[in-house]
Amino acid sequence: MVYEFSFLKALLLTIFIETSVLFLLFKLVYKSIHIKKWLLVLTGILASFSTLPYLWFILPMFVHSELFYVIVSEASAVLLESVIVLGLLRISYKKAFIISFTCNMTSFLIGLLITKM
């Protein structure tokens, strides 16, 4: 039960971080692209919720090396979430990939800081 509780905390934190980064990117970097706020929130929630459960509960059954787990999980999260961003926000795949990469790297680095404290 502790693992599941840790997952829920990680999920909420990931959604908060990645959605915040998504908003910042569209406010500061992609200012010319006008996307409704509710769609940004939906995209942030759906992207994180679509990948994190698999990375926490399915991938560990197949990948046992910590380094390989990090590489596979982050790469697959970026790729899958970029497709979700592409589909929901109707932007180019290049922008969707950059957005997904930025959101995931930010949440990964903040997660590292939190767990190492």
N, C-alpha and C. Protein backbone atom coordinates (compact mmCIF):
# COMPACT_ATOMS: atom_id res chain seq x y z
N MET A 1 0.81 -1.20 0.00
CA MET A 1 0.00 0.00 0.00
C MET A 1 0.85 1.26 0.00
N VAL A 2 2.05 1.17 0.52
CA VAL A 2 2.95 2.33 0.55
C VAL A 2 3.34 2.72 -0.87
N TYR A 3 3.61 1.72 -1.71
CA TYR A 3 4.00 1.98 -3.10
C TYR A 3 2.88 2.70 -3.85
N GLU A 4 1.65 2.28 -3.64
CA GLU A 4 0.51 2.90 -4.30
C GLU A 4 0.31 4.34 -3.84
N PHE A 5 0.53 4.57 -2.55
CA PHE A 5 0.42 5.94 -2.03
C PHE A 5 1.52 6.81 -2.61
N SER A 6 2.72 6.28 -2.73
CA SER A 6 3.83 7.02 -3.34
C SER A 6 3.51 7.33 -4.80
N PHE A 7 2.88 6.38 -5.48
CA PHE A 7 2.48 6.61 -6.86
C PHE A 7 1.49 7.77 -6.96
N LEU A 8 0.49 7.78 -6.10
CA LEU A 8 -0.51 8.86 -6.15
C LEU A 8 0.13 10.22 -5.89
N LYS A 9 1.06 10.28 -4.94
CA LYS A 9 1.78 11.54 -4.69
C LYS A 9 2.58 11.95 -5.92
N ALA A 10 3.26 10.98 -6.51
CA ALA A 10 4.07 11.26 -7.70
C ALA A 10 3.18 11.71 -8.87
N LEU A 11 2.03 11.07 -9.01
CA LEU A 11 1.11 11.43 -10.10
C LEU A 11 0.62 12.87 -9.93
N LEU A 12 0.18 13.22 -8.74
CA LEU A 12 -0.31 14.58 -8.50
C LEU A 12 0.80 15.61 -8.71
N LEU A 13 1.99 15.31 -8.22
CA LEU A 13 3.11 16.23 -8.38
C LEU A 13 3.50 16.36 -9.85
N THR A 14 3.51 15.24 -10.57
CA THR A 14 3.84 15.26 -11.99
C THR A 14 2.83 16.07 -12.78
N ILE A 15 1.55 15.86 -12.50
CA ILE A 15 0.51 16.63 -13.19
C ILE A 15 0.68 18.11 -12.91
N PHE A 16 0.93 18.47 -11.65
CA PHE A 16 1.10 19.88 -11.30
C PHE A 16 2.30 20.48 -12.02
N ILE A 17 3.44 19.80 -11.96
CA ILE A 17 4.67 20.33 -12.57
C ILE A 17 4.52 20.43 -14.09
N GLU A 18 4.11 19.35 -14.72
CA GLU A 18 4.07 19.34 -16.17
C GLU A 18 3.00 20.28 -16.73
N THR A 19 1.88 20.42 -16.04
CA THR A 19 0.86 21.37 -16.49
C THR A 19 1.34 22.80 -16.30
N SER A 20 2.04 23.06 -15.21
CA SER A 20 2.60 24.40 -14.98
C SER A 20 3.63 24.75 -16.05
N VAL A 21 4.49 23.81 -16.38
CA VAL A 21 5.49 24.03 -17.43
C VAL A 21 4.79 24.26 -18.78
N LEU A 22 3.75 23.50 -19.04
CA LEU A 22 2.98 23.66 -20.27
C LEU A 22 2.43 25.09 -20.37
N PHE A 23 1.85 25.59 -19.29
CA PHE A 23 1.35 26.95 -19.26
C PHE A 23 2.47 27.96 -19.49
N LEU A 24 3.59 27.77 -18.81
CA LEU A 24 4.72 28.69 -18.97
C LEU A 24 5.24 28.70 -20.41
N LEU A 25 5.33 27.54 -21.01
CA LEU A 25 5.80 27.48 -22.40
C LEU A 25 4.89 28.25 -23.34
N PHE A 26 3.58 28.15 -23.14
CA PHE A 26 2.65 28.87 -24.02
C PHE A 26 2.53 30.34 -23.66
N LYS A 27 2.94 30.71 -22.47
CA LYS A 27 2.92 32.12 -22.10
C LYS A 27 4.21 32.82 -22.53
N LEU A 28 5.34 32.11 -22.44
CA LEU A 28 6.63 32.74 -22.69
C LEU A 28 7.26 32.38 -24.04
N VAL A 29 7.12 31.16 -24.48
CA VAL A 29 7.81 30.71 -25.70
C VAL A 29 6.88 30.70 -26.91
N TYR A 30 5.73 30.10 -26.76
CA TYR A 30 4.79 29.97 -27.88
C TYR A 30 3.63 30.96 -27.72
N LYS A 31 3.98 32.23 -27.53
CA LYS A 31 2.98 33.29 -27.30
C LYS A 31 2.01 33.45 -28.47
N SER A 32 2.50 33.21 -29.66
CA SER A 32 1.68 33.45 -30.84
C SER A 32 0.62 32.36 -31.06
N ILE A 33 0.79 31.23 -30.38
CA ILE A 33 -0.19 30.14 -30.51
C ILE A 33 -1.21 30.30 -29.38
N HIS A 34 -2.42 30.57 -29.75
CA HIS A 34 -3.47 30.80 -28.75
C HIS A 34 -4.26 29.51 -28.52
N ILE A 35 -4.07 28.96 -27.33
CA ILE A 35 -4.77 27.73 -26.95
C ILE A 35 -5.53 28.03 -25.66
N LYS A 36 -6.75 27.57 -25.59
CA LYS A 36 -7.56 27.83 -24.40
C LYS A 36 -6.95 27.18 -23.17
N LYS A 37 -7.10 27.85 -22.04
CA LYS A 37 -6.50 27.37 -20.79
C LYS A 37 -7.02 26.00 -20.39
N TRP A 38 -8.31 25.76 -20.57
CA TRP A 38 -8.88 24.47 -20.18
C TRP A 38 -8.26 23.34 -21.00
N LEU A 39 -7.88 23.63 -22.26
CA LEU A 39 -7.27 22.62 -23.10
C LEU A 39 -5.83 22.33 -22.65
N LEU A 40 -5.13 23.36 -22.17
CA LEU A 40 -3.80 23.14 -21.61
C LEU A 40 -3.87 22.28 -20.35
N VAL A 41 -4.85 22.56 -19.50
CA VAL A 41 -5.02 21.77 -18.27
C VAL A 41 -5.35 20.32 -18.64
N LEU A 42 -6.28 20.13 -19.55
CA LEU A 42 -6.64 18.78 -19.98
C LEU A 42 -5.44 18.05 -20.57
N THR A 43 -4.66 18.74 -21.37
CA THR A 43 -3.48 18.13 -21.98
C THR A 43 -2.47 17.72 -20.92
N GLY A 44 -2.21 18.60 -19.95
CA GLY A 44 -1.27 18.27 -18.88
C GLY A 44 -1.72 17.07 -18.07
N ILE A 45 -2.98 17.03 -17.73
CA ILE A 45 -3.51 15.91 -16.93
C ILE A 45 -3.49 14.62 -17.74
N LEU A 46 -4.01 14.68 -18.95
CA LEU A 46 -4.10 13.47 -19.77
C LEU A 46 -2.73 12.90 -20.12
N ALA A 47 -1.79 13.76 -20.44
CA ALA A 47 -0.45 13.28 -20.81
C ALA A 47 0.20 12.53 -19.64
N SER A 48 0.17 13.14 -18.46
CA SER A 48 0.78 12.50 -17.29
C SER A 48 0.02 11.24 -16.88
N PHE A 49 -1.28 11.32 -16.89
CA PHE A 49 -2.10 10.20 -16.46
C PHE A 49 -2.03 9.03 -17.44
N SER A 50 -1.66 9.31 -18.68
CA SER A 50 -1.58 8.25 -19.69
C SER A 50 -0.27 7.48 -19.63
N THR A 51 0.75 8.03 -19.03
CA THR A 51 2.05 7.35 -19.04
C THR A 51 2.52 6.90 -17.67
N LEU A 52 2.30 7.68 -16.64
CA LEU A 52 2.88 7.38 -15.33
C LEU A 52 2.45 6.03 -14.75
N PRO A 53 1.19 5.62 -14.84
CA PRO A 53 0.83 4.30 -14.29
C PRO A 53 1.61 3.16 -14.93
N TYR A 54 1.82 3.23 -16.22
CA TYR A 54 2.59 2.18 -16.91
C TYR A 54 4.04 2.17 -16.45
N LEU A 55 4.59 3.37 -16.26
CA LEU A 55 5.99 3.46 -15.84
C LEU A 55 6.19 2.98 -14.41
N TRP A 56 5.19 3.11 -13.57
CA TRP A 56 5.30 2.69 -12.18
C TRP A 56 4.94 1.23 -11.97
N PHE A 57 3.96 0.73 -12.72
CA PHE A 57 3.44 -0.60 -12.43
C PHE A 57 3.77 -1.67 -13.47
N ILE A 58 3.97 -1.31 -14.71
CA ILE A 58 4.21 -2.30 -15.76
C ILE A 58 5.70 -2.40 -16.10
N LEU A 59 6.33 -1.30 -16.38
CA LEU A 59 7.73 -1.32 -16.82
C LEU A 59 8.68 -1.99 -15.82
N PRO A 60 8.52 -1.80 -14.51
CA PRO A 60 9.44 -2.47 -13.57
C PRO A 60 9.41 -4.00 -13.64
N MET A 61 8.35 -4.57 -14.18
CA MET A 61 8.31 -6.02 -14.32
C MET A 61 9.25 -6.51 -15.42
N PHE A 62 9.62 -5.62 -16.34
CA PHE A 62 10.44 -6.00 -17.48
C PHE A 62 11.85 -5.43 -17.46
N VAL A 63 12.03 -4.33 -16.76
CA VAL A 63 13.33 -3.66 -16.72
C VAL A 63 13.82 -3.64 -15.28
N HIS A 64 15.00 -4.23 -15.04
CA HIS A 64 15.49 -4.36 -13.68
C HIS A 64 16.68 -3.45 -13.37
N SER A 65 17.35 -2.97 -14.38
CA SER A 65 18.47 -2.06 -14.19
C SER A 65 17.92 -0.64 -13.99
N GLU A 66 18.38 0.03 -12.94
CA GLU A 66 17.86 1.36 -12.63
C GLU A 66 18.16 2.35 -13.75
N LEU A 67 19.38 2.33 -14.27
CA LEU A 67 19.75 3.25 -15.34
C LEU A 67 18.92 2.99 -16.60
N PHE A 68 18.79 1.73 -16.97
CA PHE A 68 18.01 1.38 -18.16
C PHE A 68 16.54 1.75 -17.95
N TYR A 69 16.04 1.57 -16.74
CA TYR A 69 14.66 1.94 -16.42
C TYR A 69 14.44 3.44 -16.64
N VAL A 70 15.37 4.25 -16.15
CA VAL A 70 15.24 5.71 -16.30
C VAL A 70 15.26 6.08 -17.79
N ILE A 71 16.17 5.50 -18.54
CA ILE A 71 16.29 5.82 -19.96
C ILE A 71 15.01 5.42 -20.71
N VAL A 72 14.57 4.19 -20.51
CA VAL A 72 13.38 3.70 -21.21
C VAL A 72 12.13 4.47 -20.78
N SER A 73 11.98 4.70 -19.49
CA SER A 73 10.76 5.37 -19.02
C SER A 73 10.69 6.81 -19.50
N GLU A 74 11.78 7.54 -19.41
CA GLU A 74 11.75 8.94 -19.84
C GLU A 74 11.59 9.05 -21.35
N ALA A 75 12.29 8.21 -22.10
CA ALA A 75 12.16 8.25 -23.56
C ALA A 75 10.75 7.90 -24.00
N SER A 76 10.18 6.86 -23.42
CA SER A 76 8.83 6.48 -23.82
C SER A 76 7.80 7.51 -23.37
N ALA A 77 8.00 8.11 -22.21
CA ALA A 77 7.08 9.16 -21.75
C ALA A 77 7.11 10.36 -22.70
N VAL A 78 8.30 10.77 -23.09
CA VAL A 78 8.42 11.91 -24.00
C VAL A 78 7.74 11.60 -25.33
N LEU A 79 8.00 10.43 -25.88
CA LEU A 79 7.41 10.08 -27.18
C LEU A 79 5.89 9.96 -27.11
N LEU A 80 5.39 9.25 -26.12
CA LEU A 80 3.93 9.07 -26.01
C LEU A 80 3.22 10.38 -25.68
N GLU A 81 3.79 11.14 -24.78
CA GLU A 81 3.15 12.42 -24.41
C GLU A 81 3.22 13.42 -25.55
N SER A 82 4.25 13.36 -26.37
CA SER A 82 4.31 14.28 -27.51
C SER A 82 3.18 13.99 -28.50
N VAL A 83 2.82 12.73 -28.64
CA VAL A 83 1.69 12.37 -29.51
C VAL A 83 0.39 12.91 -28.92
N ILE A 84 0.24 12.82 -27.60
CA ILE A 84 -0.96 13.35 -26.94
C ILE A 84 -1.02 14.87 -27.09
N VAL A 85 0.10 15.54 -26.88
CA VAL A 85 0.16 17.00 -27.04
C VAL A 85 -0.17 17.38 -28.49
N LEU A 86 0.40 16.66 -29.42
CA LEU A 86 0.14 16.89 -30.84
C LEU A 86 -1.35 16.77 -31.15
N GLY A 87 -1.96 15.71 -30.67
CA GLY A 87 -3.37 15.47 -30.96
C GLY A 87 -4.31 16.46 -30.31
N LEU A 88 -4.02 16.84 -29.07
CA LEU A 88 -4.94 17.74 -28.36
C LEU A 88 -4.74 19.21 -28.72
N LEU A 89 -3.51 19.62 -28.90
CA LEU A 89 -3.23 21.04 -29.12
C LEU A 89 -3.13 21.41 -30.60
N ARG A 90 -3.07 20.41 -31.46
CA ARG A 90 -3.02 20.64 -32.91
C ARG A 90 -1.86 21.56 -33.30
N ILE A 91 -0.68 21.21 -32.83
CA ILE A 91 0.54 21.93 -33.17
C ILE A 91 1.45 20.97 -33.93
N SER A 92 2.57 21.46 -34.41
CA SER A 92 3.47 20.59 -35.17
C SER A 92 4.08 19.55 -34.23
N TYR A 93 4.52 18.43 -34.83
CA TYR A 93 5.12 17.38 -34.00
C TYR A 93 6.41 17.88 -33.36
N LYS A 94 7.17 18.70 -34.07
CA LYS A 94 8.41 19.24 -33.51
C LYS A 94 8.13 20.03 -32.23
N LYS A 95 7.13 20.90 -32.26
CA LYS A 95 6.77 21.67 -31.06
C LYS A 95 6.24 20.75 -29.98
N ALA A 96 5.42 19.79 -30.36
CA ALA A 96 4.87 18.85 -29.38
C ALA A 96 5.99 18.07 -28.70
N PHE A 97 6.98 17.66 -29.47
CA PHE A 97 8.11 16.92 -28.91
C PHE A 97 8.92 17.80 -27.96
N ILE A 98 9.20 19.03 -28.36
CA ILE A 98 9.95 19.96 -27.50
C ILE A 98 9.19 20.22 -26.21
N ILE A 99 7.88 20.41 -26.31
CA ILE A 99 7.05 20.65 -25.13
C ILE A 99 7.07 19.42 -24.21
N SER A 100 6.87 18.25 -24.78
CA SER A 100 6.88 17.03 -23.99
C SER A 100 8.23 16.81 -23.32
N PHE A 101 9.29 17.01 -24.07
CA PHE A 101 10.64 16.85 -23.52
C PHE A 101 10.87 17.82 -22.37
N THR A 102 10.49 19.08 -22.55
CA THR A 102 10.69 20.10 -21.51
C THR A 102 9.87 19.77 -20.26
N CYS A 103 8.62 19.41 -20.44
CA CYS A 103 7.76 19.07 -19.29
C CYS A 103 8.32 17.86 -18.54
N ASN A 104 8.70 16.83 -19.27
CA ASN A 104 9.20 15.62 -18.63
C ASN A 104 10.54 15.81 -17.95
N MET A 105 11.43 16.54 -18.58
CA MET A 105 12.74 16.77 -17.96
C MET A 105 12.61 17.63 -16.70
N THR A 106 11.71 18.60 -16.74
CA THR A 106 11.49 19.43 -15.56
C THR A 106 10.95 18.59 -14.41
N SER A 107 9.94 17.77 -14.68
CA SER A 107 9.38 16.96 -13.59
C SER A 107 10.38 15.90 -13.13
N PHE A 108 11.18 15.35 -14.04
CA PHE A 108 12.20 14.37 -13.66
C PHE A 108 13.24 15.01 -12.74
N LEU A 109 13.73 16.19 -13.11
CA LEU A 109 14.76 16.85 -12.30
C LEU A 109 14.22 17.29 -10.93
N ILE A 110 13.00 17.79 -10.91
CA ILE A 110 12.39 18.16 -9.62
C ILE A 110 12.18 16.90 -8.78
N GLY A 111 11.76 15.81 -9.42
CA GLY A 111 11.61 14.55 -8.70
C GLY A 111 12.94 14.08 -8.10
N LEU A 112 14.02 14.22 -8.87
CA LEU A 112 15.36 13.87 -8.34
C LEU A 112 15.70 14.73 -7.13
N LEU A 113 15.44 16.02 -7.22
CA LEU A 113 15.73 16.91 -6.09
C LEU A 113 14.94 16.51 -4.85
N ILE A 114 13.67 16.19 -5.05
CA ILE A 114 12.81 15.83 -3.92
C ILE A 114 13.27 14.52 -3.28
N THR A 115 13.60 13.53 -4.09
CA THR A 115 13.96 12.23 -3.53
C THR A 115 15.36 12.23 -2.93
N LYS A 116 16.21 13.14 -3.33
CA LYS A 116 17.58 13.19 -2.79
C LYS A 116 17.68 14.06 -1.54
N MET A 117 16.62 14.74 -1.19
CA MET A 117 16.65 15.61 -0.01
C MET A 117 16.50 14.83 1.26
